[in-house]
Amino acid sequence: HITYVPDKYIVELRSLKLYLNTYRDKYITHEEAVNRIYADLKQALAPRSIEIVGDFNVRGGIKTVVRVSSSGAQ
């Protein structure tokens, strides 16, 4: 889930979809993926606030939810 309050810029949905699809074949941890998405969007959009939540499917019997927020609530 991506939630942000824009300032000057907004993301085009098609571009966002294509960007997120680049993570399908990357071998990185769930935490690293969410942190990279957060950093990239924060740098590109310079939003007033932003929150990224990675809610990943169960793998090996473990459900993973990773949250990164500019408000500090994680």
N, C-alpha and C. Protein backbone atom coordinates (compact mmCIF):
# COMPACT_ATOMS: atom_id res chain seq x y z
N HIS A 1 0.84 -1.17 0.00
CA HIS A 1 0.00 0.00 0.00
C HIS A 1 0.89 1.23 0.00
N ILE A 2 0.53 2.19 -0.80
CA ILE A 2 1.27 3.45 -0.86
C ILE A 2 0.29 4.57 -0.56
N THR A 3 0.60 5.33 0.48
CA THR A 3 -0.23 6.47 0.85
C THR A 3 0.69 7.67 0.97
N TYR A 4 0.35 8.75 0.29
CA TYR A 4 1.17 9.95 0.43
C TYR A 4 0.32 11.20 0.23
N VAL A 5 0.79 12.28 0.83
CA VAL A 5 0.17 13.59 0.65
C VAL A 5 1.11 14.37 -0.26
N PRO A 6 0.68 14.64 -1.50
CA PRO A 6 1.59 15.28 -2.45
C PRO A 6 1.87 16.73 -2.10
N ASP A 7 2.97 17.21 -2.62
CA ASP A 7 3.30 18.62 -2.52
C ASP A 7 3.21 19.18 -3.94
N LYS A 8 4.31 19.17 -4.69
CA LYS A 8 4.29 19.68 -6.06
C LYS A 8 4.08 18.58 -7.09
N TYR A 9 4.41 17.35 -6.75
CA TYR A 9 4.41 16.28 -7.74
C TYR A 9 3.48 15.14 -7.33
N ILE A 10 2.92 14.48 -8.34
CA ILE A 10 2.17 13.25 -8.13
C ILE A 10 2.71 12.21 -9.10
N VAL A 11 2.49 10.96 -8.77
CA VAL A 11 3.01 9.89 -9.60
C VAL A 11 1.93 9.43 -10.58
N GLU A 12 2.32 9.19 -11.81
CA GLU A 12 1.41 8.63 -12.80
C GLU A 12 1.25 7.14 -12.48
N LEU A 13 0.01 6.65 -12.47
CA LEU A 13 -0.24 5.27 -12.05
C LEU A 13 0.45 4.25 -12.94
N ARG A 14 0.50 4.47 -14.22
CA ARG A 14 1.16 3.51 -15.11
C ARG A 14 2.66 3.45 -14.81
N SER A 15 3.26 4.59 -14.59
CA SER A 15 4.68 4.63 -14.24
C SER A 15 4.94 3.93 -12.92
N LEU A 16 4.06 4.13 -11.96
CA LEU A 16 4.19 3.47 -10.66
C LEU A 16 4.09 1.96 -10.82
N LYS A 17 3.14 1.51 -11.62
CA LYS A 17 2.97 0.07 -11.85
C LYS A 17 4.22 -0.53 -12.49
N LEU A 18 4.76 0.13 -13.49
CA LEU A 18 5.97 -0.37 -14.14
C LEU A 18 7.15 -0.38 -13.19
N TYR A 19 7.26 0.64 -12.37
CA TYR A 19 8.34 0.69 -11.38
C TYR A 19 8.21 -0.46 -10.38
N LEU A 20 7.01 -0.66 -9.84
CA LEU A 20 6.81 -1.73 -8.86
C LEU A 20 7.05 -3.11 -9.48
N ASN A 21 6.72 -3.27 -10.74
CA ASN A 21 6.94 -4.56 -11.41
C ASN A 21 8.43 -4.90 -11.54
N THR A 22 9.30 -3.91 -11.47
CA THR A 22 10.74 -4.21 -11.54
C THR A 22 11.21 -5.00 -10.33
N TYR A 23 10.43 -4.99 -9.26
CA TYR A 23 10.80 -5.72 -8.05
C TYR A 23 10.40 -7.19 -8.10
N ARG A 24 9.68 -7.60 -9.11
CA ARG A 24 9.22 -8.99 -9.19
C ARG A 24 10.36 -9.99 -9.29
N ASP A 25 11.42 -9.63 -9.98
CA ASP A 25 12.52 -10.57 -10.21
C ASP A 25 13.79 -10.22 -9.43
N LYS A 26 13.70 -9.29 -8.51
CA LYS A 26 14.86 -8.93 -7.70
C LYS A 26 14.94 -9.85 -6.48
N TYR A 27 16.14 -10.28 -6.17
CA TYR A 27 16.36 -11.14 -5.01
C TYR A 27 16.83 -10.29 -3.84
N ILE A 28 15.86 -9.64 -3.18
CA ILE A 28 16.16 -8.84 -2.00
C ILE A 28 15.11 -9.17 -0.94
N THR A 29 15.40 -8.80 0.28
CA THR A 29 14.46 -9.09 1.36
C THR A 29 13.23 -8.19 1.25
N HIS A 30 12.16 -8.61 1.91
CA HIS A 30 10.94 -7.79 1.93
C HIS A 30 11.23 -6.41 2.52
N GLU A 31 12.00 -6.40 3.59
CA GLU A 31 12.33 -5.14 4.25
C GLU A 31 13.11 -4.21 3.33
N GLU A 32 14.07 -4.76 2.61
CA GLU A 32 14.88 -3.94 1.70
C GLU A 32 14.03 -3.41 0.55
N ALA A 33 13.13 -4.22 0.03
CA ALA A 33 12.25 -3.78 -1.06
C ALA A 33 11.40 -2.59 -0.61
N VAL A 34 10.79 -2.69 0.55
CA VAL A 34 9.94 -1.60 1.05
C VAL A 34 10.78 -0.35 1.31
N ASN A 35 11.95 -0.51 1.88
CA ASN A 35 12.82 0.64 2.14
C ASN A 35 13.27 1.32 0.85
N ARG A 36 13.58 0.55 -0.17
CA ARG A 36 14.00 1.14 -1.45
C ARG A 36 12.84 1.88 -2.12
N ILE A 37 11.65 1.27 -2.11
CA ILE A 37 10.48 1.93 -2.69
C ILE A 37 10.20 3.24 -1.96
N TYR A 38 10.26 3.19 -0.65
CA TYR A 38 10.06 4.39 0.16
C TYR A 38 11.07 5.48 -0.22
N ALA A 39 12.34 5.12 -0.25
CA ALA A 39 13.39 6.10 -0.55
C ALA A 39 13.24 6.67 -1.96
N ASP A 40 12.95 5.81 -2.93
CA ASP A 40 12.81 6.27 -4.31
C ASP A 40 11.62 7.22 -4.47
N LEU A 41 10.48 6.86 -3.90
CA LEU A 41 9.29 7.71 -4.03
C LEU A 41 9.45 9.01 -3.25
N LYS A 42 10.06 8.92 -2.08
CA LYS A 42 10.27 10.14 -1.29
C LYS A 42 11.18 11.11 -2.04
N GLN A 43 12.22 10.58 -2.67
CA GLN A 43 13.14 11.44 -3.42
C GLN A 43 12.48 12.01 -4.67
N ALA A 44 11.74 11.19 -5.40
CA ALA A 44 11.14 11.62 -6.67
C ALA A 44 9.97 12.58 -6.47
N LEU A 45 9.16 12.35 -5.44
CA LEU A 45 7.93 13.12 -5.27
C LEU A 45 8.05 14.26 -4.26
N ALA A 46 8.99 14.16 -3.34
CA ALA A 46 9.12 15.13 -2.24
C ALA A 46 7.75 15.42 -1.62
N PRO A 47 7.05 14.38 -1.17
CA PRO A 47 5.71 14.57 -0.62
C PRO A 47 5.74 15.20 0.77
N ARG A 48 4.60 15.71 1.19
CA ARG A 48 4.49 16.24 2.55
C ARG A 48 4.59 15.10 3.57
N SER A 49 3.99 13.97 3.23
CA SER A 49 4.14 12.77 4.05
C SER A 49 3.96 11.56 3.14
N ILE A 50 4.53 10.43 3.57
CA ILE A 50 4.45 9.22 2.76
C ILE A 50 4.52 8.00 3.68
N GLU A 51 3.76 6.97 3.32
CA GLU A 51 3.79 5.70 4.04
C GLU A 51 3.74 4.57 3.02
N ILE A 52 4.64 3.62 3.17
CA ILE A 52 4.67 2.43 2.32
C ILE A 52 4.46 1.23 3.23
N VAL A 53 3.50 0.37 2.86
CA VAL A 53 3.25 -0.86 3.60
C VAL A 53 3.39 -2.01 2.63
N GLY A 54 4.33 -2.89 2.92
CA GLY A 54 4.49 -4.11 2.13
C GLY A 54 3.80 -5.24 2.87
N ASP A 55 2.71 -5.76 2.31
CA ASP A 55 1.94 -6.86 2.91
C ASP A 55 2.17 -8.08 2.03
N PHE A 56 3.11 -8.92 2.42
CA PHE A 56 3.58 -10.00 1.57
C PHE A 56 2.85 -11.31 1.86
N ASN A 57 2.71 -12.12 0.83
CA ASN A 57 2.08 -13.43 0.96
C ASN A 57 2.88 -14.32 1.90
N VAL A 58 2.19 -15.28 2.47
CA VAL A 58 2.83 -16.23 3.38
C VAL A 58 3.85 -17.06 2.63
N ARG A 59 5.07 -17.12 3.19
CA ARG A 59 6.13 -17.97 2.64
C ARG A 59 6.78 -18.69 3.81
N GLY A 60 6.83 -19.99 3.71
CA GLY A 60 7.43 -20.77 4.79
C GLY A 60 6.64 -20.67 6.08
N GLY A 61 5.33 -20.42 5.97
CA GLY A 61 4.49 -20.33 7.15
C GLY A 61 4.55 -18.99 7.87
N ILE A 62 5.23 -18.01 7.28
CA ILE A 62 5.39 -16.71 7.94
C ILE A 62 4.78 -15.61 7.08
N LYS A 63 3.88 -14.83 7.68
CA LYS A 63 3.31 -13.66 7.00
C LYS A 63 4.17 -12.45 7.37
N THR A 64 4.48 -11.65 6.37
CA THR A 64 5.34 -10.49 6.59
C THR A 64 4.61 -9.21 6.22
N VAL A 65 4.60 -8.25 7.14
CA VAL A 65 4.07 -6.91 6.87
C VAL A 65 5.15 -5.93 7.31
N VAL A 66 5.60 -5.10 6.35
CA VAL A 66 6.66 -4.12 6.61
C VAL A 66 6.08 -2.74 6.36
N ARG A 67 6.27 -1.83 7.32
CA ARG A 67 5.72 -0.48 7.21
C ARG A 67 6.84 0.55 7.40
N VAL A 68 6.90 1.51 6.47
CA VAL A 68 7.84 2.62 6.59
C VAL A 68 7.04 3.90 6.40
N SER A 69 7.25 4.86 7.28
CA SER A 69 6.45 6.08 7.24
C SER A 69 7.32 7.29 7.55
N SER A 70 7.02 8.40 6.89
CA SER A 70 7.75 9.63 7.16
C SER A 70 7.33 10.24 8.50
N SER A 71 6.20 9.78 9.04
CA SER A 71 5.75 10.31 10.33
C SER A 71 6.46 9.66 11.50
N GLY A 72 7.23 8.61 11.23
CA GLY A 72 7.96 7.94 12.29
C GLY A 72 7.19 6.82 12.96
N ALA A 73 5.89 6.70 12.69
CA ALA A 73 5.08 5.61 13.25
C ALA A 73 5.27 4.38 12.41
N GLN A 74 5.94 3.37 12.98
CA GLN A 74 6.23 2.16 12.21
C GLN A 74 5.82 0.94 12.97
